[in-house]
C-alpha atoms as a PDB file:
ATOM      1  CA  MET A   1     -56.838 127.867  82.388  1.00  0.00           C
ATOM      2  CA  GLU A   2     -54.600 125.873  84.699  1.00  0.00           C
ATOM      3  CA  ILE A   3     -52.863 127.826  87.447  1.00  0.00           C
ATOM      4  CA  THR A   4     -49.072 127.673  87.344  1.00  0.00           C
ATOM      5  CA  LYS A   5     -47.708 125.868  90.404  1.00  0.00           C
ATOM      6  CA  LYS A   6     -44.775 127.561  92.120  1.00  0.00           C
ATOM      7  CA  ILE A   7     -42.379 124.845  93.331  1.00  0.00           C
ATOM      8  CA  LEU A   8     -39.335 125.035  95.590  1.00  0.00           C
ATOM      9  CA  LEU A   9     -37.523 121.741  94.942  1.00  0.00           C
ATOM     10  CA  PHE A  10     -35.305 120.002  97.503  1.00  0.00           C
ATOM     11  CA  CYS A  11     -33.237 117.295  95.794  1.00  0.00           C
ATOM     12  CA  ASP A  12     -29.937 115.447  95.374  1.00  0.00           C
ATOM     13  CA  PRO A  13     -29.377 115.083  91.598  1.00  0.00           C
ATOM     14  CA  GLY A  14     -28.755 112.104  90.876  1.00  0.00           C
ATOM     15  CA  ILE A  15     -30.285 110.801  87.679  1.00  0.00           C
ATOM     16  CA  ASP A  16     -33.941 110.560  88.704  1.00  0.00           C
ATOM     17  CA  ASP A  17     -33.730 113.931  90.513  1.00  0.00           C
ATOM     18  CA  SER A  18     -32.181 115.406  87.371  1.00  0.00           C
ATOM     19  CA  ILE A  19     -35.024 114.161  85.194  1.00  0.00           C
ATOM     20  CA  ALA A  20     -37.430 115.666  87.738  1.00  0.00           C
ATOM     21  CA  ILE A  21     -35.627 119.011  87.354  1.00  0.00           C
ATOM     22  CA  MET A  22     -35.845 118.769  83.569  1.00  0.00           C
ATOM     23  CA  TYR A  23     -39.561 118.063  83.738  1.00  0.00           C
ATOM     24  CA  SER A  24     -40.135 120.944  86.169  1.00  0.00           C
ATOM     25  CA  ILE A  25     -38.441 123.373  83.805  1.00  0.00           C
ATOM     26  CA  LEU A  26     -40.199 122.059  80.687  1.00  0.00           C
ATOM     27  CA  ASP A  27     -43.720 121.907  82.138  1.00  0.00           C
ATOM     28  CA  PRO A  28     -45.411 125.259  81.358  1.00  0.00           C
ATOM     29  CA  ASN A  29     -47.712 124.748  84.347  1.00  0.00           C
ATOM     30  CA  ILE A  30     -44.784 124.664  86.791  1.00  0.00           C
ATOM     31  CA  GLU A  31     -42.720 127.645  87.870  1.00  0.00           C
ATOM     32  CA  LEU A  32     -39.532 126.386  89.489  1.00  0.00           C
ATOM     33  CA  VAL A  33     -38.663 129.164  91.948  1.00  0.00           C
ATOM     34  CA  GLY A  34     -35.602 127.563  93.561  1.00  0.00           C
ATOM     35  CA  ILE A  35     -33.587 124.356  93.969  1.00  0.00           C
ATOM     36  CA  VAL A  36     -32.133 123.271  97.317  1.00  0.00           C
ATOM     37  CA  THR A  37     -29.372 120.706  96.838  1.00  0.00           C
ATOM     38  CA  SER A  38     -27.938 118.245  99.342  1.00  0.00           C
ATOM     39  CA  TYR A  39     -26.012 115.017  99.832  1.00  0.00           C
ATOM     40  CA  GLY A  40     -27.706 111.723  98.986  1.00  0.00           C
ATOM     41  CA  ASN A  41     -27.056 110.023  95.680  1.00  0.00           C
ATOM     42  CA  ILE A  42     -23.784 111.987  95.540  1.00  0.00           C
ATOM     43  CA  THR A  43     -22.072 114.691  97.579  1.00  0.00           C
ATOM     44  CA  ARG A  44     -23.740 118.041  98.179  1.00  0.00           C
ATOM     45  CA  ASP A  45     -21.145 119.837  96.016  1.00  0.00           C
ATOM     46  CA  LYS A  46     -21.692 117.525  93.055  1.00  0.00           C
ATOM     47  CA  SER A  47     -25.467 117.717  93.301  1.00  0.00           C
ATOM     48  CA  THR A  48     -25.228 121.512  93.430  1.00  0.00           C
ATOM     49  CA  ALA A  49     -23.103 121.602  90.263  1.00  0.00           C
ATOM     50  CA  ASN A  50     -25.531 119.257  88.490  1.00  0.00           C
ATOM     51  CA  ALA A  51     -28.562 121.359  89.372  1.00  0.00           C
ATOM     52  CA  ALA A  52     -26.820 124.537  88.251  1.00  0.00           C
ATOM     53  CA  TYR A  53     -25.773 122.901  84.973  1.00  0.00           C
ATOM     54  CA  LEU A  54     -29.311 121.738  84.205  1.00  0.00           C
ATOM     55  CA  VAL A  55     -30.840 125.173  84.715  1.00  0.00           C
ATOM     56  CA  HIS A  56     -27.987 126.687  82.679  1.00  0.00           C
ATOM     57  CA  LEU A  57     -28.699 124.391  79.709  1.00  0.00           C
ATOM     58  CA  ALA A  58     -32.287 125.606  79.698  1.00  0.00           C
ATOM     59  CA  GLY A  59     -31.241 129.238  79.904  1.00  0.00           C
ATOM     60  CA  ARG A  60     -32.813 129.456  83.347  1.00  0.00           C
ATOM     61  CA  SER A  61     -29.922 130.675  85.444  1.00  0.00           C
ATOM     62  CA  ASP A  62     -32.456 132.952  87.127  1.00  0.00           C
ATOM     63  CA  ILE A  63     -33.507 129.953  89.254  1.00  0.00           C
ATOM     64  CA  PRO A  64     -31.564 130.212  92.547  1.00  0.00           C
ATOM     65  CA  ILE A  65     -29.432 127.199  93.494  1.00  0.00           C
ATOM     66  CA  ILE A  66     -29.265 126.857  97.284  1.00  0.00           C
ATOM     67  CA  PRO A  67     -26.773 124.384  98.811  1.00  0.00           C
ATOM     68  CA  GLY A  68     -28.247 122.513 101.757  1.00  0.00           C
ATOM     69  CA  ALA A  69     -27.091 119.691 104.026  1.00  0.00           C
ATOM     70  CA  THR A  70     -23.840 117.766 103.570  1.00  0.00           C
ATOM     71  CA  LYS A  71     -24.741 114.872 105.900  1.00  0.00           C
ATOM     72  CA  PRO A  72     -27.555 113.524 108.088  1.00  0.00           C
ATOM     73  CA  VAL A  73     -28.099 114.809 111.614  1.00  0.00           C
ATOM     74  CA  GLN A  74     -27.066 111.668 113.495  1.00  0.00           C
ATOM     75  CA  GLU A  75     -24.343 110.041 111.409  1.00  0.00           C
ATOM     76  CA  GLU A  76     -20.842 110.967 110.291  1.00  0.00           C
ATOM     77  CA  HIS A  77     -20.469 108.445 107.471  1.00  0.00           C
ATOM     78  CA  VAL A  78     -22.493 108.859 104.281  1.00  0.00           C
ATOM     79  CA  THR A  79     -22.748 106.174 101.598  1.00  0.00           C
ATOM     80  CA  PHE A  80     -23.012 107.282  97.974  1.00  0.00           C
ATOM     81  CA  TYR A  81     -24.162 105.219  95.002  1.00  0.00           C
ATOM     82  CA  PRO A  82     -21.951 105.640  91.905  1.00  0.00           C
ATOM     83  CA  GLU A  83     -23.150 102.278  90.578  1.00  0.00           C
ATOM     84  CA  ILE A  84     -26.638 103.795  90.225  1.00  0.00           C
ATOM     85  CA  HIS A  85     -25.988 107.433  89.332  1.00  0.00           C
ATOM     86  CA  GLY A  86     -22.336 107.567  88.308  1.00  0.00           C
ATOM     87  CA  GLU A  87     -19.414 109.160  90.113  1.00  0.00           C
ATOM     88  CA  ASP A  88     -20.728 112.665  89.489  1.00  0.00           C
ATOM     89  CA  GLY A  89     -24.457 111.906  89.495  1.00  0.00           C
ATOM     90  CA  LEU A  90     -25.303 112.176  85.793  1.00  0.00           C
ATOM     91  CA  GLY A  91     -24.164 108.745  84.649  1.00  0.00           C
ATOM     92  CA  PRO A  92     -21.552 109.215  81.895  1.00  0.00           C
ATOM     93  CA  ILE A  93     -22.192 112.963  81.613  1.00  0.00           C
ATOM     94  CA  GLU A  94     -19.670 115.286  83.226  1.00  0.00           C
ATOM     95  CA  VAL A  95     -20.296 118.925  84.032  1.00  0.00           C
ATOM     96  CA  PRO A  96     -17.571 120.916  82.221  1.00  0.00           C
ATOM     97  CA  ARG A  97     -14.670 121.627  84.560  1.00  0.00           C
ATOM     98  CA  ASP A  98     -14.681 125.303  83.617  1.00  0.00           C
ATOM     99  CA  PHE A  99     -18.412 125.678  84.345  1.00  0.00           C
ATOM    100  CA  ARG A 100     -18.999 128.507  86.813  1.00  0.00           C
ATOM    101  CA  PHE A 101     -22.254 129.294  88.578  1.00  0.00           C
ATOM    102  CA  SER A 102     -23.680 131.345  91.428  1.00  0.00           C
ATOM    103  CA  ILE A 103     -25.082 129.880  94.635  1.00  0.00           C
ATOM    104  CA  TYR A 104     -27.422 131.405  97.184  1.00  0.00           C
ATOM    105  CA  PRO A 105     -27.319 131.178 101.005  1.00  0.00           C
ATOM    106  CA  PHE A 106     -29.641 128.787 102.812  1.00  0.00           C
ATOM    107  CA  ASP A 107     -31.625 131.752 104.160  1.00  0.00           C
ATOM    108  CA  THR A 108     -32.872 132.300 100.613  1.00  0.00           C
ATOM    109  CA  ILE A 109     -35.472 129.649 101.467  1.00  0.00           C
ATOM    110  CA  ARG A 110     -37.036 132.071 103.948  1.00  0.00           C
ATOM    111  CA  PHE A 111     -37.141 134.867 101.371  1.00  0.00           C
ATOM    112  CA  ILE A 112     -38.772 132.584  98.792  1.00  0.00           C
ATOM    113  CA  ILE A 113     -41.462 131.506 101.262  1.00  0.00           C
ATOM    114  CA  GLU A 114     -42.173 135.079 102.329  1.00  0.00           C
ATOM    115  CA  LYS A 115     -42.396 136.148  98.679  1.00  0.00           C
ATOM    116  CA  TYR A 116     -44.889 133.492  97.560  1.00  0.00           C
ATOM    117  CA  LYS A 117     -46.551 132.504 100.868  1.00  0.00           C
ATOM    118  CA  ASN A 118     -49.531 130.189 100.286  1.00  0.00           C
ATOM    119  CA  GLU A 119     -48.797 129.976  96.561  1.00  0.00           C
ATOM    120  CA  LEU A 120     -45.607 128.030  97.289  1.00  0.00           C
ATOM    121  CA  ILE A 121     -45.400 124.261  97.082  1.00  0.00           C
ATOM    122  CA  ILE A 122     -42.348 122.492  98.513  1.00  0.00           C
ATOM    123  CA  VAL A 123     -41.296 119.204  96.892  1.00  0.00           C
ATOM    124  CA  ASP A 124     -38.552 117.054  98.428  1.00  0.00           C
ATOM    125  CA  THR A 125     -37.145 114.187  96.361  1.00  0.00           C
ATOM    126  CA  GLY A 126     -33.959 113.648  98.387  1.00  0.00           C
ATOM    127  CA  ARG A 127     -32.840 112.974 101.931  1.00  0.00           C
ATOM    128  CA  SER A 128     -34.964 114.885 104.434  1.00  0.00           C
ATOM    129  CA  THR A 129     -32.132 116.740 106.207  1.00  0.00           C
ATOM    130  CA  SER A 130     -32.352 120.089 104.421  1.00  0.00           C
ATOM    131  CA  LEU A 131     -36.140 120.267 104.635  1.00  0.00           C
ATOM    132  CA  ALA A 132     -36.089 119.341 108.327  1.00  0.00           C
ATOM    133  CA  THR A 133     -33.499 122.091 108.878  1.00  0.00           C
ATOM    134  CA  ALA A 134     -35.838 124.599 107.239  1.00  0.00           C
ATOM    135  CA  PHE A 135     -38.609 123.563 109.649  1.00  0.00           C
ATOM    136  CA  ILE A 136     -36.244 124.138 112.575  1.00  0.00           C
ATOM    137  CA  LEU A 137     -34.914 127.490 111.347  1.00  0.00           C
ATOM    138  CA  TYR A 138     -38.092 128.992 109.910  1.00  0.00           C
ATOM    139  CA  PRO A 139     -41.100 127.566 111.779  1.00  0.00           C
ATOM    140  CA  ASP A 140     -43.325 130.593 111.159  1.00  0.00           C
ATOM    141  CA  GLN A 141     -42.491 130.810 107.481  1.00  0.00           C
ATOM    142  CA  MET A 142     -43.018 127.077 106.906  1.00  0.00           C
ATOM    143  CA  LYS A 143     -46.607 127.490 108.115  1.00  0.00           C
ATOM    144  CA  MET A 144     -47.163 129.853 105.164  1.00  0.00           C
ATOM    145  CA  VAL A 145     -46.387 127.147 102.579  1.00  0.00           C
ATOM    146  CA  GLN A 146     -49.400 125.806 100.706  1.00  0.00           C
ATOM    147  CA  SER A 147     -48.428 122.115 100.667  1.00  0.00           C
ATOM    148  CA  PHE A 148     -45.588 119.599 100.771  1.00  0.00           C
ATOM    149  CA  TYR A 149     -44.744 116.622  98.544  1.00  0.00           C
ATOM    150  CA  VAL A 150     -42.114 114.105  99.655  1.00  0.00           C
ATOM    151  CA  MET A 151     -40.647 111.107  97.837  1.00  0.00           C
ATOM    152  CA  GLY A 152     -39.841 108.471 100.439  1.00  0.00           C
ATOM    153  CA  GLY A 153     -40.824 105.309 102.213  1.00  0.00           C
ATOM    154  CA  ALA A 154     -42.214 101.911 101.367  1.00  0.00           C
ATOM    155  CA  PHE A 155     -45.476 100.821 102.987  1.00  0.00           C
ATOM    156  CA  PHE A 156     -46.501  97.150 103.307  1.00  0.00           C
ATOM    157  CA  MET A 157     -43.693  96.187 100.900  1.00  0.00           C
ATOM    158  CA  PRO A 158     -39.877  95.763 100.730  1.00  0.00           C
ATOM    159  CA  GLY A 159     -37.511  98.707 100.637  1.00  0.00           C
ATOM    160  CA  ASN A 160     -34.861  99.391  98.010  1.00  0.00           C
ATOM    161  CA  ILE A 161     -31.857 100.114 100.234  1.00  0.00           C
ATOM    162  CA  THR A 162     -32.573  97.397 102.822  1.00  0.00           C
ATOM    163  CA  ALA A 163     -35.270  94.753 103.057  1.00  0.00           C
ATOM    164  CA  LEU A 164     -37.360  97.201 105.086  1.00  0.00           C
ATOM    165  CA  ALA A 165     -36.333 100.721 104.115  1.00  0.00           C
ATOM    166  CA  GLU A 166     -36.427 103.078 101.138  1.00  0.00           C
ATOM    167  CA  ALA A 167     -33.256 105.109 100.498  1.00  0.00           C
ATOM    168  CA  ASN A 168     -34.459 108.643 101.305  1.00  0.00           C
ATOM    169  CA  PHE A 169     -36.020 107.743 104.661  1.00  0.00           C
ATOM    170  CA  TYR A 170     -33.113 105.411 105.477  1.00  0.00           C
ATOM    171  CA  GLY A 171     -30.603 108.193 104.795  1.00  0.00           C
ATOM    172  CA  ASP A 172     -31.840 110.383 107.664  1.00  0.00           C
ATOM    173  CA  PRO A 173     -34.828 108.847 109.477  1.00  0.00           C
ATOM    174  CA  ALA A 174     -34.757 111.443 112.270  1.00  0.00           C
ATOM    175  CA  SER A 175     -35.231 114.236 109.738  1.00  0.00           C
ATOM    176  CA  SER A 176     -37.861 112.259 107.839  1.00  0.00           C
ATOM    177  CA  ASN A 177     -39.814 111.848 111.072  1.00  0.00           C
ATOM    178  CA  LEU A 178     -39.636 115.568 111.730  1.00  0.00           C
ATOM    179  CA  VAL A 179     -40.941 116.338 108.253  1.00  0.00           C
ATOM    180  CA  THR A 180     -43.827 113.868 108.457  1.00  0.00           C
ATOM    181  CA  GLN A 181     -44.757 115.356 111.818  1.00  0.00           C
ATOM    182  CA  PHE A 182     -44.677 119.054 110.931  1.00  0.00           C
ATOM    183  CA  ALA A 183     -45.443 119.241 107.200  1.00  0.00           C
ATOM    184  CA  HIS A 184     -49.088 120.182 106.633  1.00  0.00           C
ATOM    185  CA  ASN A 185     -51.033 119.245 103.490  1.00  0.00           C
ATOM    186  CA  LEU A 186     -48.436 116.510 103.022  1.00  0.00           C
ATOM    187  CA  THR A 187     -48.404 114.029 100.155  1.00  0.00           C
ATOM    188  CA  ILE A 188     -45.915 111.144 100.247  1.00  0.00           C
ATOM    189  CA  THR A 189     -45.033 109.223  97.089  1.00  0.00           C
ATOM    190  CA  PRO A 190     -43.361 106.013  98.306  1.00  0.00           C
ATOM    191  CA  LEU A 191     -42.004 103.054  96.365  1.00  0.00           C
ATOM    192  CA  ASN A 192     -45.543 101.632  96.236  1.00  0.00           C
ATOM    193  CA  ALA A 193     -46.242 104.063  93.386  1.00  0.00           C
ATOM    194  CA  THR A 194     -42.836 105.264  92.200  1.00  0.00           C
ATOM    195  CA  GLN A 195     -41.391 101.817  91.502  1.00  0.00           C
ATOM    196  CA  HIS A 196     -43.958 101.520  88.713  1.00  0.00           C
ATOM    197  CA  ALA A 197     -43.063 104.912  87.145  1.00  0.00           C
ATOM    198  CA  ILE A 198     -40.935 103.103  84.583  1.00  0.00           C
ATOM    199  CA  LEU A 199     -39.501 104.642  81.455  1.00  0.00           C
ATOM    200  CA  THR A 200     -38.594 102.250  78.657  1.00  0.00           C
ATOM    201  CA  GLN A 201     -35.630 102.558  76.321  1.00  0.00           C
ATOM    202  CA  GLU A 202     -38.064 102.972  73.416  1.00  0.00           C
ATOM    203  CA  PHE A 203     -39.777 105.929  75.098  1.00  0.00           C
ATOM    204  CA  VAL A 204     -36.451 107.557  75.947  1.00  0.00           C
ATOM    205  CA  ASN A 205     -35.239 107.098  72.355  1.00  0.00           C
ATOM    206  CA  THR A 206     -38.303 109.010  71.184  1.00  0.00           C
ATOM    207  CA  ILE A 207     -37.562 111.831  73.634  1.00  0.00           C
ATOM    208  CA  SER A 208     -33.952 112.011  72.480  1.00  0.00           C
ATOM    209  CA  GLN A 209     -35.121 112.668  68.916  1.00  0.00           C
ATOM    210  CA  ASN A 210     -37.247 115.650  69.902  1.00  0.00           C
ATOM    211  CA  LYS A 211     -35.192 118.642  68.761  1.00  0.00           C
ATOM    212  CA  ASN A 212     -37.523 121.006  70.649  1.00  0.00           C
ATOM    213  CA  ASN A 213     -36.467 119.492  73.973  1.00  0.00           C
ATOM    214  CA  VAL A 214     -33.357 121.254  75.267  1.00  0.00           C
ATOM    215  CA  TYR A 215     -32.435 118.135  77.247  1.00  0.00           C
ATOM    216  CA  ALA A 216     -32.930 115.653  74.388  1.00  0.00           C
ATOM    217  CA  SER A 217     -29.242 114.793  73.972  1.00  0.00           C
ATOM    218  CA  LEU A 218     -28.784 114.373  77.726  1.00  0.00           C
ATOM    219  CA  ILE A 219     -31.665 112.076  78.613  1.00  0.00           C
ATOM    220  CA  GLU A 220     -30.658 109.010  76.580  1.00  0.00           C
ATOM    221  CA  PRO A 221     -27.097 108.505  77.940  1.00  0.00           C
ATOM    222  CA  ILE A 222     -28.017 109.143  81.582  1.00  0.00           C
ATOM    223  CA  PHE A 223     -31.061 106.878  81.316  1.00  0.00           C
ATOM    224  CA  LYS A 224     -29.013 104.096  79.728  1.00  0.00           C
ATOM    225  CA  TYR A 225     -26.537 104.225  82.610  1.00  0.00           C
ATOM    226  CA  TYR A 226     -29.395 104.167  85.132  1.00  0.00           C
ATOM    227  CA  GLN A 227     -31.143 101.302  83.350  1.00  0.00           C
ATOM    228  CA  GLU A 228     -28.045  99.120  83.421  1.00  0.00           C
ATOM    229  CA  PHE A 229     -28.181  99.124  87.225  1.00  0.00           C
ATOM    230  CA  TYR A 230     -31.815  98.052  87.249  1.00  0.00           C
ATOM    231  CA  LYS A 231     -31.149  95.286  84.721  1.00  0.00           C
ATOM    232  CA  LYS A 232     -28.681  93.773  87.180  1.00  0.00           C
ATOM    233  CA  THR A 233     -30.773  94.197  90.321  1.00  0.00           C
ATOM    234  CA  ASN A 234     -34.215  93.542  88.850  1.00  0.00           C
ATOM    235  CA  PRO A 235     -33.910  91.032  85.983  1.00  0.00           C
ATOM    236  CA  GLY A 236     -36.805  91.247  83.563  1.00  0.00           C
ATOM    237  CA  ILE A 237     -37.640  94.904  84.250  1.00  0.00           C
ATOM    238  CA  GLN A 238     -38.688  96.658  81.045  1.00  0.00           C
ATOM    239  CA  GLY A 239     -36.946  99.932  81.826  1.00  0.00           C
ATOM    240  CA  ALA A 240     -36.053 101.947  84.922  1.00  0.00           C
ATOM    241  CA  PRO A 241     -38.267 103.648  87.536  1.00  0.00           C
ATOM    242  CA  ILE A 242     -37.861 107.428  87.763  1.00  0.00           C
ATOM    243  CA  HIS A 243     -39.046 107.806  91.366  1.00  0.00           C
ATOM    244  CA  ASP A 244     -38.513 111.530  91.802  1.00  0.00           C
ATOM    245  CA  LEU A 245     -40.163 112.458  88.534  1.00  0.00           C
ATOM    246  CA  LEU A 246     -43.517 111.076  89.686  1.00  0.00           C
ATOM    247  CA  THR A 247     -43.359 113.151  92.871  1.00  0.00           C
ATOM    248  CA  VAL A 248     -43.149 116.345  90.820  1.00  0.00           C
ATOM    249  CA  MET A 249     -45.813 115.196  88.375  1.00  0.00           C
ATOM    250  CA  VAL A 250     -48.505 114.564  90.999  1.00  0.00           C
ATOM    251  CA  VAL A 251     -48.354 118.225  92.055  1.00  0.00           C
ATOM    252  CA  ASN A 252     -50.234 119.137  88.873  1.00  0.00           C
ATOM    253  CA  ASN A 253     -51.751 115.710  88.284  1.00  0.00           C
ATOM    254  CA  PRO A 254     -52.892 114.204  91.617  1.00  0.00           C
ATOM    255  CA  THR A 255     -55.121 111.643  89.877  1.00  0.00           C
ATOM    256  CA  LEU A 256     -52.084 109.847  88.443  1.00  0.00           C
ATOM    257  CA  VAL A 257     -52.060 107.842  91.686  1.00  0.00           C
ATOM    258  CA  ASP A 258     -54.483 106.417  94.249  1.00  0.00           C
ATOM    259  CA  TYR A 259     -54.012 107.288  97.921  1.00  0.00           C
ATOM    260  CA  ILE A 260     -54.556 106.094 101.449  1.00  0.00           C
ATOM    261  CA  HIS A 261     -54.850 108.633 104.287  1.00  0.00           C
ATOM    262  CA  TYR A 262     -52.683 107.881 107.302  1.00  0.00           C
ATOM    263  CA  ASP A 263     -50.012 109.698 109.266  1.00  0.00           C
ATOM    264  CA  ALA A 264     -46.646 108.107 108.514  1.00  0.00           C
ATOM    265  CA  LYS A 265     -43.780 107.435 110.892  1.00  0.00           C
ATOM    266  CA  VAL A 266     -40.182 106.345 110.313  1.00  0.00           C
ATOM    267  CA  ILE A 267     -38.130 104.042 112.533  1.00  0.00           C
ATOM    268  CA  GLU A 268     -34.965 105.696 113.825  1.00  0.00           C
ATOM    269  CA  GLY A 269     -31.855 104.201 115.439  1.00  0.00           C
ATOM    270  CA  THR A 270     -29.394 101.627 114.180  1.00  0.00           C
ATOM    271  CA  THR A 271     -31.529  98.492 114.209  1.00  0.00           C
ATOM    272  CA  GLU A 272     -32.268  96.402 111.128  1.00  0.00           C
ATOM    273  CA  ALA A 273     -35.514  98.343 110.828  1.00  0.00           C
ATOM    274  CA  LYS A 274     -33.771 101.721 110.471  1.00  0.00           C
ATOM    275  CA  GLY A 275     -35.598 103.907 107.971  1.00  0.00           C
ATOM    276  CA  MET A 276     -38.666 101.688 107.750  1.00  0.00           C
ATOM    277  CA  SER A 277     -41.845 103.688 107.181  1.00  0.00           C
ATOM    278  CA  TYR A 278     -45.155 102.570 108.631  1.00  0.00           C
ATOM    279  CA  VAL A 279     -48.690 103.629 109.462  1.00  0.00           C
ATOM    280  CA  ASP A 280     -51.101 102.548 112.156  1.00  0.00           C
ATOM    281  CA  CYS A 281     -53.823 100.834 110.146  1.00  0.00           C
ATOM    282  CA  ARG A 282     -55.483  98.918 112.946  1.00  0.00           C
ATOM    283  CA  PRO A 283     -59.299  98.978 112.768  1.00  0.00           C
ATOM    284  CA  THR A 284     -59.493 101.234 115.816  1.00  0.00           C
ATOM    285  CA  SER A 285     -56.853 103.722 114.643  1.00  0.00           C
ATOM    286  CA  LYS A 286     -57.794 107.133 113.314  1.00  0.00           C
ATOM    287  CA  LYS A 287     -57.272 107.993 109.687  1.00  0.00           C
ATOM    288  CA  GLY A 288     -54.569 110.621 109.194  1.00  0.00           C
ATOM    289  CA  LYS A 289     -54.335 113.743 107.094  1.00  0.00           C
ATOM    290  CA  THR A 290     -51.293 112.686 105.067  1.00  0.00           C
ATOM    291  CA  LYS A 291     -51.956 111.390 101.551  1.00  0.00           C
ATOM    292  CA  ILE A 292     -49.815 108.354 100.751  1.00  0.00           C
ATOM    293  CA  ALA A 293     -49.693 107.223  97.111  1.00  0.00           C
ATOM    294  CA  ILE A 294     -50.131 103.468  96.811  1.00  0.00           C
ATOM    295  CA  LYS A 295     -50.969 102.844  93.146  1.00  0.00           C
ATOM    296  CA  LEU A 296     -49.842 104.444  89.890  1.00  0.00           C
ATOM    297  CA  HIS A 297     -52.073 104.719  86.817  1.00  0.00           C
ATOM    298  CA  TYR A 298     -49.313 103.966  84.359  1.00  0.00           C
ATOM    299  CA  ASN A 299     -51.011 104.816  81.065  1.00  0.00           C
ATOM    300  CA  GLU A 300     -52.016 108.235  82.370  1.00  0.00           C
ATOM    301  CA  PHE A 301     -48.475 108.728  83.680  1.00  0.00           C
ATOM    302  CA  ILE A 302     -46.943 108.066  80.248  1.00  0.00           C
ATOM    303  CA  LYS A 303     -49.559 110.194  78.497  1.00  0.00           C
ATOM    304  CA  GLU A 304     -48.864 113.188  80.728  1.00  0.00           C
ATOM    305  CA  LEU A 305     -45.097 112.694  80.441  1.00  0.00           C
ATOM    306  CA  SER A 306     -45.380 112.605  76.663  1.00  0.00           C
ATOM    307  CA  ASN A 307     -47.338 115.857  76.690  1.00  0.00           C
ATOM    308  CA  ILE A 308     -44.380 117.604  78.330  1.00  0.00           C
ATOM    309  CA  LEU A 309     -41.250 115.856  77.053  1.00  0.00           C
ATOM    310  CA  LEU A 310     -42.434 115.348  73.470  1.00  0.00           C
ATOM    311  CA  ARG A 311     -44.114 118.733  72.956  1.00  0.00           C
END
């Protein structure tokens, strides 16, 4: 019998973050014990409302929604991406204006860690600011956490926000560096693997017809909006990559990807290389403890996704 994984999810939903939330709630082998929301794809307030709405639709309002950071540590201006995720983060879907929900203080993170200790897994699919803040505020508690999974970076390949940088690490490289330095049992899922985690329109249509899936009516319109962006920026692509979804999936299914073992760093500052992730892979360098996903096994990815979303 597979042990249920207790996940505290840091995110900025956002379409791919939202699909990751849906998957986390639908997977019987995952217990989502909290969601920490922040700026990134959209504002912190909008991402908080989206997360609360998604747990509400599943009848899971018991999952605490914890607002996190509103901006990175070193910059005042934050760029959002309505062309990718829509003005409110869910493509054409709008959270009802009369929707009301409860939020929890940031210190709830400490209580969650102390409750679950080494059973807890922290997954971060957004900018690193909120997670870095938790390391600063709760250093003793963060040592109790079993493991960390972070979506970010692009190694030996182009970025997706600049020629060199992936969006999450570019958004707050100082915080990303802090996380890669202090997070133990760390797995990073960069663009190397996540850019291949592509859902096709045909697959999404099948999901949308599954009446047992509480999110069936939601997935098709938000995916279609997301796919339109990728059609323009990556002509010939057969669907759209759901980066954050893969990061959640490898918690229970680590063999979905192949790894290299190096300690990652992120370039800070305001140069053209801002947010670029790299490793020291010289022949004389020491191998690191961080697992970095470099290749996705696509057929296994789709099979596992089907098991959850089409059940």
